[in-house]
Amino acid sequence: MKKRCAWVVAAIGLTSCSQILLDDATVVRTIHVASVKAACPHDPTRECYQISDGAGAWQTVDAQIAGFNYAPGTEYVIEVSEPSVSPQTSTEPPRWELMRVIDEKPSR
């Protein structure tokens, strides 16, 4: 009986730790945001951000960036936080929160 109770307590403890880690884990990213939006990949009637890591090609993403006041004609470098995404929800668009604007300048 004692072994079974210890196993149940251990299993509950591990489950709780895993949930806290997944719920509280965030990824902080620095992204470049283009001065113009593009048609969203899955809904061409909507406009989406064009982003880059600064070294690669632009990607069109259907993302929400809470607290970001985008102005057309301005290029940005911003830092965003993103909650870690579990595999079953990875098809949902990213939900980012603006941490800070690193740089902004009118496009050339």
PDB file of N, CA and C in Angstrom:
ATOM      1  N   MET A   1       0.819  -1.196   0.000  1.00  0.00           N
ATOM      2  CA  MET A   1       0.000   0.000   0.000  1.00  0.00           C
ATOM      3  C   MET A   1       0.858   1.252   0.000  1.00  0.00           C
ATOM      4  N   LYS A   2       1.932   1.259   0.805  1.00  0.00           N
ATOM      5  CA  LYS A   2       2.794   2.430   0.868  1.00  0.00           C
ATOM      6  C   LYS A   2       3.455   2.686  -0.485  1.00  0.00           C
ATOM      7  N   LYS A   3       3.865   1.603  -1.170  1.00  0.00           N
ATOM      8  CA  LYS A   3       4.516   1.776  -2.472  1.00  0.00           C
ATOM      9  C   LYS A   3       3.549   2.383  -3.475  1.00  0.00           C
ATOM     10  N   ARG A   4       2.292   1.926  -3.479  1.00  0.00           N
ATOM     11  CA  ARG A   4       1.302   2.451  -4.413  1.00  0.00           C
ATOM     12  C   ARG A   4       1.045   3.925  -4.142  1.00  0.00           C
ATOM     13  N   CYS A   5       0.913   4.317  -2.879  1.00  0.00           N
ATOM     14  CA  CYS A   5       0.683   5.727  -2.541  1.00  0.00           C
ATOM     15  C   CYS A   5       1.873   6.582  -2.959  1.00  0.00           C
ATOM     16  N   ALA A   6       3.079   6.091  -2.728  1.00  0.00           N
ATOM     17  CA  ALA A   6       4.269   6.850  -3.111  1.00  0.00           C
ATOM     18  C   ALA A   6       4.306   7.037  -4.623  1.00  0.00           C
ATOM     19  N   TRP A   7       3.937   6.002  -5.374  1.00  0.00           N
ATOM     20  CA  TRP A   7       3.934   6.098  -6.835  1.00  0.00           C
ATOM     21  C   TRP A   7       2.910   7.125  -7.309  1.00  0.00           C
ATOM     22  N   VAL A   8       1.721   7.134  -6.704  1.00  0.00           N
ATOM     23  CA  VAL A   8       0.686   8.094  -7.077  1.00  0.00           C
ATOM     24  C   VAL A   8       1.144   9.507  -6.768  1.00  0.00           C
ATOM     25  N   VAL A   9       1.727   9.730  -5.603  1.00  0.00           N
ATOM     26  CA  VAL A   9       2.224  11.057  -5.236  1.00  0.00           C
ATOM     27  C   VAL A   9       3.319  11.491  -6.206  1.00  0.00           C
ATOM     28  N   ALA A  10       4.227  10.587  -6.548  1.00  0.00           N
ATOM     29  CA  ALA A  10       5.306  10.916  -7.487  1.00  0.00           C
ATOM     30  C   ALA A  10       4.738  11.257  -8.854  1.00  0.00           C
ATOM     31  N   ALA A  11       3.754  10.507  -9.325  1.00  0.00           N
ATOM     32  CA  ALA A  11       3.159  10.767 -10.637  1.00  0.00           C
ATOM     33  C   ALA A  11       2.454  12.121 -10.646  1.00  0.00           C
ATOM     34  N   ILE A  12       1.729  12.432  -9.579  1.00  0.00           N
ATOM     35  CA  ILE A  12       1.048  13.727  -9.501  1.00  0.00           C
ATOM     36  C   ILE A  12       2.077  14.851  -9.461  1.00  0.00           C
ATOM     37  N   GLY A  13       3.147  14.665  -8.712  1.00  0.00           N
ATOM     38  CA  GLY A  13       4.187  15.683  -8.630  1.00  0.00           C
ATOM     39  C   GLY A  13       4.838  15.946  -9.980  1.00  0.00           C
ATOM     40  N   LEU A  14       5.137  14.877 -10.731  1.00  0.00           N
ATOM     41  CA  LEU A  14       5.745  15.044 -12.045  1.00  0.00           C
ATOM     42  C   LEU A  14       4.794  15.726 -13.013  1.00  0.00           C
ATOM     43  N   THR A  15       3.536  15.362 -12.959  1.00  0.00           N
ATOM     44  CA  THR A  15       2.554  15.982 -13.849  1.00  0.00           C
ATOM     45  C   THR A  15       2.438  17.469 -13.546  1.00  0.00           C
ATOM     46  N   SER A  16       2.400  17.827 -12.280  1.00  0.00           N
ATOM     47  CA  SER A  16       2.282  19.231 -11.915  1.00  0.00           C
ATOM     48  C   SER A  16       3.486  20.026 -12.390  1.00  0.00           C
ATOM     49  N   CYS A  17       4.685  19.469 -12.219  1.00  0.00           N
ATOM     50  CA  CYS A  17       5.890  20.172 -12.656  1.00  0.00           C
ATOM     51  C   CYS A  17       5.878  20.362 -14.167  1.00  0.00           C
ATOM     52  N   SER A  18       5.466  19.341 -14.926  1.00  0.00           N
ATOM     53  CA  SER A  18       5.432  19.452 -16.377  1.00  0.00           C
ATOM     54  C   SER A  18       4.460  20.535 -16.809  1.00  0.00           C
ATOM     55  N   GLN A  19       3.309  20.622 -16.196  1.00  0.00           N
ATOM     56  CA  GLN A  19       2.326  21.626 -16.570  1.00  0.00           C
ATOM     57  C   GLN A  19       2.825  23.025 -16.249  1.00  0.00           C
ATOM     58  N   ILE A  20       3.479  23.203 -15.136  1.00  0.00           N
ATOM     59  CA  ILE A  20       4.008  24.518 -14.775  1.00  0.00           C
ATOM     60  C   ILE A  20       5.075  24.929 -15.782  1.00  0.00           C
ATOM     61  N   LEU A  21       5.934  24.001 -16.153  1.00  0.00           N
ATOM     62  CA  LEU A  21       6.975  24.312 -17.112  1.00  0.00           C
ATOM     63  C   LEU A  21       6.375  24.697 -18.456  1.00  0.00           C
ATOM     64  N   LEU A  22       5.387  23.953 -18.946  1.00  0.00           N
ATOM     65  CA  LEU A  22       4.787  24.268 -20.233  1.00  0.00           C
ATOM     66  C   LEU A  22       3.980  25.567 -20.179  1.00  0.00           C
ATOM     67  N   ASP A  23       3.265  25.802 -19.102  1.00  0.00           N
ATOM     68  CA  ASP A  23       2.438  27.008 -19.000  1.00  0.00           C
ATOM     69  C   ASP A  23       3.281  28.265 -18.824  1.00  0.00           C
ATOM     70  N   ASP A  24       4.385  28.166 -18.109  1.00  0.00           N
ATOM     71  CA  ASP A  24       5.169  29.343 -17.773  1.00  0.00           C
ATOM     72  C   ASP A  24       6.335  29.599 -18.729  1.00  0.00           C
ATOM     73  N   ALA A  25       6.661  28.627 -19.574  1.00  0.00           N
ATOM     74  CA  ALA A  25       7.812  28.781 -20.463  1.00  0.00           C
ATOM     75  C   ALA A  25       7.488  29.763 -21.580  1.00  0.00           C
ATOM     76  N   THR A  26       8.394  30.674 -21.798  1.00  0.00           N
ATOM     77  CA  THR A  26       8.245  31.613 -22.906  1.00  0.00           C
ATOM     78  C   THR A  26       9.549  31.676 -23.673  1.00  0.00           C
ATOM     79  N   VAL A  27       9.429  32.030 -24.933  1.00  0.00           N
ATOM     80  CA  VAL A  27      10.583  32.211 -25.792  1.00  0.00           C
ATOM     81  C   VAL A  27      10.658  33.695 -26.118  1.00  0.00           C
ATOM     82  N   VAL A  28      11.828  34.279 -25.970  1.00  0.00           N
ATOM     83  CA  VAL A  28      12.020  35.682 -26.324  1.00  0.00           C
ATOM     84  C   VAL A  28      12.776  35.703 -27.648  1.00  0.00           C
ATOM     85  N   ARG A  29      12.217  36.437 -28.622  1.00  0.00           N
ATOM     86  CA  ARG A  29      12.794  36.499 -29.956  1.00  0.00           C
ATOM     87  C   ARG A  29      12.993  37.945 -30.377  1.00  0.00           C
ATOM     88  N   THR A  30      14.036  38.182 -31.143  1.00  0.00           N
ATOM     89  CA  THR A  30      14.236  39.473 -31.793  1.00  0.00           C
ATOM     90  C   THR A  30      13.877  39.280 -33.249  1.00  0.00           C
ATOM     91  N   ILE A  31      12.944  40.093 -33.744  1.00  0.00           N
ATOM     92  CA  ILE A  31      12.517  39.970 -35.133  1.00  0.00           C
ATOM     93  C   ILE A  31      12.554  41.320 -35.828  1.00  0.00           C
ATOM     94  N   HIS A  32      12.741  41.269 -37.127  1.00  0.00           N
ATOM     95  CA  HIS A  32      12.669  42.454 -37.981  1.00  0.00           C
ATOM     96  C   HIS A  32      11.299  42.428 -38.640  1.00  0.00           C
ATOM     97  N   VAL A  33      10.625  43.563 -38.640  1.00  0.00           N
ATOM     98  CA  VAL A  33       9.299  43.676 -39.243  1.00  0.00           C
ATOM     99  C   VAL A  33       9.415  44.624 -40.433  1.00  0.00           C
ATOM    100  N   ALA A  34       8.976  44.158 -41.600  1.00  0.00           N
ATOM    101  CA  ALA A  34       9.075  44.952 -42.824  1.00  0.00           C
ATOM    102  C   ALA A  34       8.140  46.152 -42.783  1.00  0.00           C
ATOM    103  N   SER A  35       8.426  47.119 -43.635  1.00  0.00           N
ATOM    104  CA  SER A  35       7.646  48.358 -43.673  1.00  0.00           C
ATOM    105  C   SER A  35       6.308  48.205 -44.388  1.00  0.00           C
ATOM    106  N   VAL A  36       6.109  47.092 -45.069  1.00  0.00           N
ATOM    107  CA  VAL A  36       4.832  46.816 -45.742  1.00  0.00           C
ATOM    108  C   VAL A  36       4.354  45.434 -45.348  1.00  0.00           C
ATOM    109  N   LYS A  37       3.043  45.285 -45.281  1.00  0.00           N
ATOM    110  CA  LYS A  37       2.459  43.972 -45.015  1.00  0.00           C
ATOM    111  C   LYS A  37       2.202  43.275 -46.347  1.00  0.00           C
ATOM    112  N   ALA A  38       1.916  41.977 -46.281  1.00  0.00           N
ATOM    113  CA  ALA A  38       1.636  41.188 -47.482  1.00  0.00           C
ATOM    114  C   ALA A  38       0.366  40.383 -47.247  1.00  0.00           C
ATOM    115  N   ALA A  39      -0.187  39.842 -48.313  1.00  0.00           N
ATOM    116  CA  ALA A  39      -1.380  39.009 -48.185  1.00  0.00           C
ATOM    117  C   ALA A  39      -1.051  37.799 -47.310  1.00  0.00           C
ATOM    118  N   CYS A  40      -1.956  37.482 -46.387  1.00  0.00           N
ATOM    119  CA  CYS A  40      -1.759  36.333 -45.504  1.00  0.00           C
ATOM    120  C   CYS A  40      -1.756  35.039 -46.318  1.00  0.00           C
ATOM    121  N   PRO A  41      -0.934  34.078 -45.937  1.00  0.00           N
ATOM    122  CA  PRO A  41      -0.831  32.831 -46.691  1.00  0.00           C
ATOM    123  C   PRO A  41      -2.152  32.058 -46.766  1.00  0.00           C
ATOM    124  N   HIS A  42      -2.923  32.045 -45.690  1.00  0.00           N
ATOM    125  CA  HIS A  42      -4.145  31.227 -45.653  1.00  0.00           C
ATOM    126  C   HIS A  42      -5.414  32.023 -45.923  1.00  0.00           C
ATOM    127  N   ASP A  43      -5.289  33.355 -45.983  1.00  0.00           N
ATOM    128  CA  ASP A  43      -6.447  34.202 -46.254  1.00  0.00           C
ATOM    129  C   ASP A  43      -5.961  35.460 -46.976  1.00  0.00           C
ATOM    130  N   PRO A  44      -5.868  35.406 -48.311  1.00  0.00           N
ATOM    131  CA  PRO A  44      -5.311  36.520 -49.070  1.00  0.00           C
ATOM    132  C   PRO A  44      -6.103  37.824 -48.966  1.00  0.00           C
ATOM    133  N   THR A  45      -7.292  37.790 -48.346  1.00  0.00           N
ATOM    134  CA  THR A  45      -8.066  39.022 -48.172  1.00  0.00           C
ATOM    135  C   THR A  45      -7.562  39.831 -46.979  1.00  0.00           C
ATOM    136  N   ARG A  46      -6.698  39.226 -46.166  1.00  0.00           N
ATOM    137  CA  ARG A  46      -6.145  39.906 -44.989  1.00  0.00           C
ATOM    138  C   ARG A  46      -4.671  40.208 -45.199  1.00  0.00           C
ATOM    139  N   GLU A  47      -4.161  41.188 -44.461  1.00  0.00           N
ATOM    140  CA  GLU A  47      -2.746  41.537 -44.518  1.00  0.00           C
ATOM    141  C   GLU A  47      -2.032  41.002 -43.283  1.00  0.00           C
ATOM    142  N   CYS A  48      -0.820  40.503 -43.511  1.00  0.00           N
ATOM    143  CA  CYS A  48      -0.019  39.936 -42.423  1.00  0.00           C
ATOM    144  C   CYS A  48       1.362  40.595 -42.389  1.00  0.00           C
ATOM    145  N   TYR A  49       2.018  40.476 -41.240  1.00  0.00           N
ATOM    146  CA  TYR A  49       3.371  41.003 -41.093  1.00  0.00           C
ATOM    147  C   TYR A  49       4.339  40.196 -41.942  1.00  0.00           C
ATOM    148  N   GLN A  50       5.365  40.883 -42.438  1.00  0.00           N
ATOM    149  CA  GLN A  50       6.511  40.225 -43.038  1.00  0.00           C
ATOM    150  C   GLN A  50       7.645  40.350 -42.027  1.00  0.00           C
ATOM    151  N   ILE A  51       8.196  39.214 -41.617  1.00  0.00           N
ATOM    152  CA  ILE A  51       9.244  39.244 -40.598  1.00  0.00           C
ATOM    153  C   ILE A  51      10.487  38.508 -41.091  1.00  0.00           C
ATOM    154  N   SER A  52      11.592  38.802 -40.409  1.00  0.00           N
ATOM    155  CA  SER A  52      12.867  38.161 -40.707  1.00  0.00           C
ATOM    156  C   SER A  52      13.669  38.114 -39.414  1.00  0.00           C
ATOM    157  N   ASP A  53      14.639  37.221 -39.383  1.00  0.00           N
ATOM    158  CA  ASP A  53      15.543  37.191 -38.232  1.00  0.00           C
ATOM    159  C   ASP A  53      16.702  38.168 -38.436  1.00  0.00           C
ATOM    160  N   GLY A  54      16.693  38.869 -39.554  1.00  0.00           N
ATOM    161  CA  GLY A  54      17.733  39.838 -39.850  1.00  0.00           C
ATOM    162  C   GLY A  54      18.791  39.306 -40.795  1.00  0.00           C
ATOM    163  N   ALA A  55      18.860  37.997 -40.923  1.00  0.00           N
ATOM    164  CA  ALA A  55      19.865  37.397 -41.795  1.00  0.00           C
ATOM    165  C   ALA A  55      19.238  36.660 -42.975  1.00  0.00           C
ATOM    166  N   GLY A  56      18.002  36.254 -42.812  1.00  0.00           N
ATOM    167  CA  GLY A  56      17.351  35.442 -43.836  1.00  0.00           C
ATOM    168  C   GLY A  56      16.310  36.201 -44.627  1.00  0.00           C
ATOM    169  N   ALA A  57      15.603  35.466 -45.436  1.00  0.00           N
ATOM    170  CA  ALA A  57      14.550  36.041 -46.278  1.00  0.00           C
ATOM    171  C   ALA A  57      13.330  36.413 -45.431  1.00  0.00           C
ATOM    172  N   TRP A  58      12.501  37.284 -45.974  1.00  0.00           N
ATOM    173  CA  TRP A  58      11.267  37.680 -45.305  1.00  0.00           C
ATOM    174  C   TRP A  58      10.271  36.537 -45.360  1.00  0.00           C
ATOM    175  N   GLN A  59       9.525  36.354 -44.280  1.00  0.00           N
ATOM    176  CA  GLN A  59       8.443  35.372 -44.202  1.00  0.00           C
ATOM    177  C   GLN A  59       7.168  36.115 -43.852  1.00  0.00           C
ATOM    178  N   THR A  60       6.074  35.725 -44.477  1.00  0.00           N
ATOM    179  CA  THR A  60       4.781  36.316 -44.144  1.00  0.00           C
ATOM    180  C   THR A  60       4.151  35.464 -43.057  1.00  0.00           C
ATOM    181  N   VAL A  61       3.819  36.084 -41.928  1.00  0.00           N
ATOM    182  CA  VAL A  61       3.239  35.352 -40.804  1.00  0.00           C
ATOM    183  C   VAL A  61       1.941  35.999 -40.352  1.00  0.00           C
ATOM    184  N   ASP A  62       0.993  35.162 -40.032  1.00  0.00           N
ATOM    185  CA  ASP A  62      -0.291  35.602 -39.494  1.00  0.00           C
ATOM    186  C   ASP A  62      -0.155  35.587 -37.984  1.00  0.00           C
ATOM    187  N   ALA A  63       0.429  36.632 -37.432  1.00  0.00           N
ATOM    188  CA  ALA A  63       0.696  36.693 -35.995  1.00  0.00           C
ATOM    189  C   ALA A  63       0.053  37.929 -35.391  1.00  0.00           C
ATOM    190  N   GLN A  64      -0.304  37.799 -34.133  1.00  0.00           N
ATOM    191  CA  GLN A  64      -0.782  38.938 -33.359  1.00  0.00           C
ATOM    192  C   GLN A  64       0.367  39.366 -32.453  1.00  0.00           C
ATOM    193  N   ILE A  65       0.634  40.671 -32.406  1.00  0.00           N
ATOM    194  CA  ILE A  65       1.685  41.184 -31.528  1.00  0.00           C
ATOM    195  C   ILE A  65       1.042  42.188 -30.581  1.00  0.00           C
ATOM    196  N   ALA A  66       0.719  41.728 -29.390  1.00  0.00           N
ATOM    197  CA  ALA A  66       0.060  42.582 -28.397  1.00  0.00           C
ATOM    198  C   ALA A  66       0.981  43.729 -28.001  1.00  0.00           C
ATOM    199  N   GLY A  67       0.446  44.942 -28.032  1.00  0.00           N
ATOM    200  CA  GLY A  67       1.189  46.119 -27.618  1.00  0.00           C
ATOM    201  C   GLY A  67       2.017  46.764 -28.712  1.00  0.00           C
ATOM    202  N   PHE A  68       1.993  46.198 -29.923  1.00  0.00           N
ATOM    203  CA  PHE A  68       2.790  46.722 -31.036  1.00  0.00           C
ATOM    204  C   PHE A  68       1.928  47.623 -31.895  1.00  0.00           C
ATOM    205  N   ASN A  69       2.367  48.864 -32.073  1.00  0.00           N
ATOM    206  CA  ASN A  69       1.644  49.838 -32.892  1.00  0.00           C
ATOM    207  C   ASN A  69       2.361  49.991 -34.225  1.00  0.00           C
ATOM    208  N   TYR A  70       2.032  49.117 -35.146  1.00  0.00           N
ATOM    209  CA  TYR A  70       2.656  49.101 -36.468  1.00  0.00           C
ATOM    210  C   TYR A  70       2.209  50.307 -37.282  1.00  0.00           C
ATOM    211  N   ALA A  71       3.159  50.945 -37.961  1.00  0.00           N
ATOM    212  CA  ALA A  71       2.852  52.048 -38.875  1.00  0.00           C
ATOM    213  C   ALA A  71       3.424  51.683 -40.241  1.00  0.00           C
ATOM    214  N   PRO A  72       2.585  51.624 -41.270  1.00  0.00           N
ATOM    215  CA  PRO A  72       3.094  51.330 -42.620  1.00  0.00           C
ATOM    216  C   PRO A  72       4.187  52.324 -43.006  1.00  0.00           C
ATOM    217  N   GLY A  73       5.207  51.833 -43.701  1.00  0.00           N
ATOM    218  CA  GLY A  73       6.309  52.695 -44.123  1.00  0.00           C
ATOM    219  C   GLY A  73       7.445  52.766 -43.116  1.00  0.00           C
ATOM    220  N   THR A  74       7.313  52.050 -42.006  1.00  0.00           N
ATOM    221  CA  THR A  74       8.351  52.033 -40.976  1.00  0.00           C
ATOM    222  C   THR A  74       8.854  50.612 -40.791  1.00  0.00           C
ATOM    223  N   GLU A  75      10.170  50.452 -40.793  1.00  0.00           N
ATOM    224  CA  GLU A  75      10.789  49.157 -40.507  1.00  0.00           C
ATOM    225  C   GLU A  75      11.109  49.098 -39.019  1.00  0.00           C
ATOM    226  N   TYR A  76      10.944  47.927 -38.446  1.00  0.00           N
ATOM    227  CA  TYR A  76      11.152  47.762 -37.006  1.00  0.00           C
ATOM    228  C   TYR A  76      12.093  46.603 -36.716  1.00  0.00           C
ATOM    229  N   VAL A  77      12.788  46.722 -35.611  1.00  0.00           N
ATOM    230  CA  VAL A  77      13.451  45.594 -34.970  1.00  0.00           C
ATOM    231  C   VAL A  77      12.848  45.566 -33.575  1.00  0.00           C
ATOM    232  N   ILE A  78      12.185  44.451 -33.251  1.00  0.00           N
ATOM    233  CA  ILE A  78      11.487  44.370 -31.967  1.00  0.00           C
ATOM    234  C   ILE A  78      11.844  43.074 -31.246  1.00  0.00           C
ATOM    235  N   GLU A  79      11.638  43.111 -29.957  1.00  0.00           N
ATOM    236  CA  GLU A  79      11.806  41.920 -29.131  1.00  0.00           C
ATOM    237  C   GLU A  79      10.423  41.511 -28.654  1.00  0.00           C
ATOM    238  N   VAL A  80      10.080  40.241 -28.874  1.00  0.00           N
ATOM    239  CA  VAL A  80       8.764  39.737 -28.487  1.00  0.00           C
ATOM    240  C   VAL A  80       8.921  38.507 -27.618  1.00  0.00           C
ATOM    241  N   SER A  81       7.917  38.275 -26.789  1.00  0.00           N
ATOM    242  CA  SER A  81       7.862  37.027 -26.027  1.00  0.00           C
ATOM    243  C   SER A  81       6.732  36.194 -26.610  1.00  0.00           C
ATOM    244  N   GLU A  82       6.957  34.898 -26.614  1.00  0.00           N
ATOM    245  CA  GLU A  82       5.977  33.967 -27.163  1.00  0.00           C
ATOM    246  C   GLU A  82       5.861  32.780 -26.223  1.00  0.00           C
ATOM    247  N   PRO A  83       4.640  32.451 -25.795  1.00  0.00           N
ATOM    248  CA  PRO A  83       4.503  31.260 -24.956  1.00  0.00           C
ATOM    249  C   PRO A  83       4.911  30.030 -25.745  1.00  0.00           C
ATOM    250  N   SER A  84       5.525  29.075 -25.060  1.00  0.00           N
ATOM    251  CA  SER A  84       5.872  27.837 -25.756  1.00  0.00           C
ATOM    252  C   SER A  84       4.582  27.189 -26.237  1.00  0.00           C
ATOM    253  N   VAL A  85       4.641  26.556 -27.377  1.00  0.00           N
ATOM    254  CA  VAL A  85       3.449  25.987 -27.997  1.00  0.00           C
ATOM    255  C   VAL A  85       3.543  24.477 -27.946  1.00  0.00           C
ATOM    256  N   SER A  86       2.493  23.836 -27.457  1.00  0.00           N
ATOM    257  CA  SER A  86       2.482  22.379 -27.431  1.00  0.00           C
ATOM    258  C   SER A  86       2.194  21.860 -28.838  1.00  0.00           C
ATOM    259  N   PRO A  87       2.609  20.640 -29.160  1.00  0.00           N
ATOM    260  CA  PRO A  87       2.448  20.120 -30.513  1.00  0.00           C
ATOM    261  C   PRO A  87       1.021  20.156 -31.049  1.00  0.00           C
ATOM    262  N   GLN A  88       0.016  19.948 -30.202  1.00  0.00           N
ATOM    263  CA  GLN A  88      -1.356  19.916 -30.705  1.00  0.00           C
ATOM    264  C   GLN A  88      -1.886  21.296 -31.079  1.00  0.00           C
ATOM    265  N   THR A  89      -1.217  22.372 -30.664  1.00  0.00           N
ATOM    266  CA  THR A  89      -1.690  23.714 -31.014  1.00  0.00           C
ATOM    267  C   THR A  89      -0.718  24.442 -31.927  1.00  0.00           C
ATOM    268  N   SER A  90       0.261  23.744 -32.484  1.00  0.00           N
ATOM    269  CA  SER A  90       1.292  24.404 -33.281  1.00  0.00           C
ATOM    270  C   SER A  90       0.762  24.948 -34.603  1.00  0.00           C
ATOM    271  N   THR A  91      -0.460  24.603 -34.994  1.00  0.00           N
ATOM    272  CA  THR A  91      -1.024  25.129 -36.233  1.00  0.00           C
ATOM    273  C   THR A  91      -1.673  26.498 -36.018  1.00  0.00           C
ATOM    274  N   GLU A  92      -1.832  26.910 -34.790  1.00  0.00           N
ATOM    275  CA  GLU A  92      -2.417  28.215 -34.498  1.00  0.00           C
ATOM    276  C   GLU A  92      -1.384  29.307 -34.781  1.00  0.00           C
ATOM    277  N   PRO A  93      -1.844  30.501 -35.195  1.00  0.00           N
ATOM    278  CA  PRO A  93      -0.885  31.580 -35.432  1.00  0.00           C
ATOM    279  C   PRO A  93      -0.189  31.986 -34.141  1.00  0.00           C
ATOM    280  N   PRO A  94       1.056  32.446 -34.243  1.00  0.00           N
ATOM    281  CA  PRO A  94       1.770  32.869 -33.036  1.00  0.00           C
ATOM    282  C   PRO A  94       1.068  34.021 -32.340  1.00  0.00           C
ATOM    283  N   ARG A  95       1.121  34.028 -31.039  1.00  0.00           N
ATOM    284  CA  ARG A  95       0.610  35.139 -30.234  1.00  0.00           C
ATOM    285  C   ARG A  95       1.783  35.706 -29.476  1.00  0.00           C
ATOM    286  N   TRP A  96       2.276  36.800 -29.983  1.00  0.00           N
ATOM    287  CA  TRP A  96       3.443  37.420 -29.390  1.00  0.00           C
ATOM    288  C   TRP A  96       3.037  38.624 -28.558  1.00  0.00           C
ATOM    289  N   GLU A  97       3.907  38.974 -27.624  1.00  0.00           N
ATOM    290  CA  GLU A  97       3.724  40.194 -26.836  1.00  0.00           C
ATOM    291  C   GLU A  97       4.985  41.031 -26.981  1.00  0.00           C
ATOM    292  N   LEU A  98       4.792  42.290 -27.309  1.00  0.00           N
ATOM    293  CA  LEU A  98       5.930  43.182 -27.484  1.00  0.00           C
ATOM    294  C   LEU A  98       6.638  43.377 -26.149  1.00  0.00           C
ATOM    295  N   MET A  99       7.932  43.133 -26.152  1.00  0.00           N
ATOM    296  CA  MET A  99       8.748  43.392 -24.963  1.00  0.00           C
ATOM    297  C   MET A  99       9.339  44.804 -25.076  1.00  0.00           C
ATOM    298  N   ARG A 100       9.900  45.096 -26.283  1.00  0.00           N
ATOM    299  CA  ARG A 100      10.464  46.426 -26.515  1.00  0.00           C
ATOM    300  C   ARG A 100      10.728  46.633 -27.998  1.00  0.00           C
ATOM    301  N   VAL A 101      10.743  47.895 -28.387  1.00  0.00           N
ATOM    302  CA  VAL A 101      11.140  48.271 -29.742  1.00  0.00           C
ATOM    303  C   VAL A 101      12.624  48.597 -29.668  1.00  0.00           C
ATOM    304  N   ILE A 102      13.422  47.833 -30.392  1.00  0.00           N
ATOM    305  CA  ILE A 102      14.868  48.037 -30.393  1.00  0.00           C
ATOM    306  C   ILE A 102      15.244  49.157 -31.352  1.00  0.00           C
ATOM    307  N   ASP A 103      14.601  49.160 -32.531  1.00  0.00           N
ATOM    308  CA  ASP A 103      14.892  50.163 -33.543  1.00  0.00           C
ATOM    309  C   ASP A 103      13.677  50.353 -34.440  1.00  0.00           C
ATOM    310  N   GLU A 104      13.466  51.558 -34.893  1.00  0.00           N
ATOM    311  CA  GLU A 104      12.439  51.830 -35.898  1.00  0.00           C
ATOM    312  C   GLU A 104      12.937  52.968 -36.778  1.00  0.00           C
ATOM    313  N   LYS A 105      12.701  52.797 -38.083  1.00  0.00           N
ATOM    314  CA  LYS A 105      13.148  53.820 -39.027  1.00  0.00           C
ATOM    315  C   LYS A 105      12.278  53.783 -40.263  1.00  0.00           C
ATOM    316  N   PRO A 106      12.123  54.930 -40.909  1.00  0.00           N
ATOM    317  CA  PRO A 106      11.342  54.964 -42.157  1.00  0.00           C
ATOM    318  C   PRO A 106      12.024  54.080 -43.201  1.00  0.00           C
ATOM    319  N   SER A 107      11.228  53.419 -44.027  1.00  0.00           N
ATOM    320  CA  SER A 107      11.814  52.570 -45.058  1.00  0.00           C
ATOM    321  C   SER A 107      12.479  53.434 -46.118  1.00  0.00           C
ATOM    322  N   ARG A 108      13.416  52.848 -46.813  1.00  0.00           N
ATOM    323  CA  ARG A 108      14.157  53.588 -47.840  1.00  0.00           C
ATOM    324  C   ARG A 108      13.471  53.527 -49.158  1.00  0.00           C
TER     325      ARG A 108
END
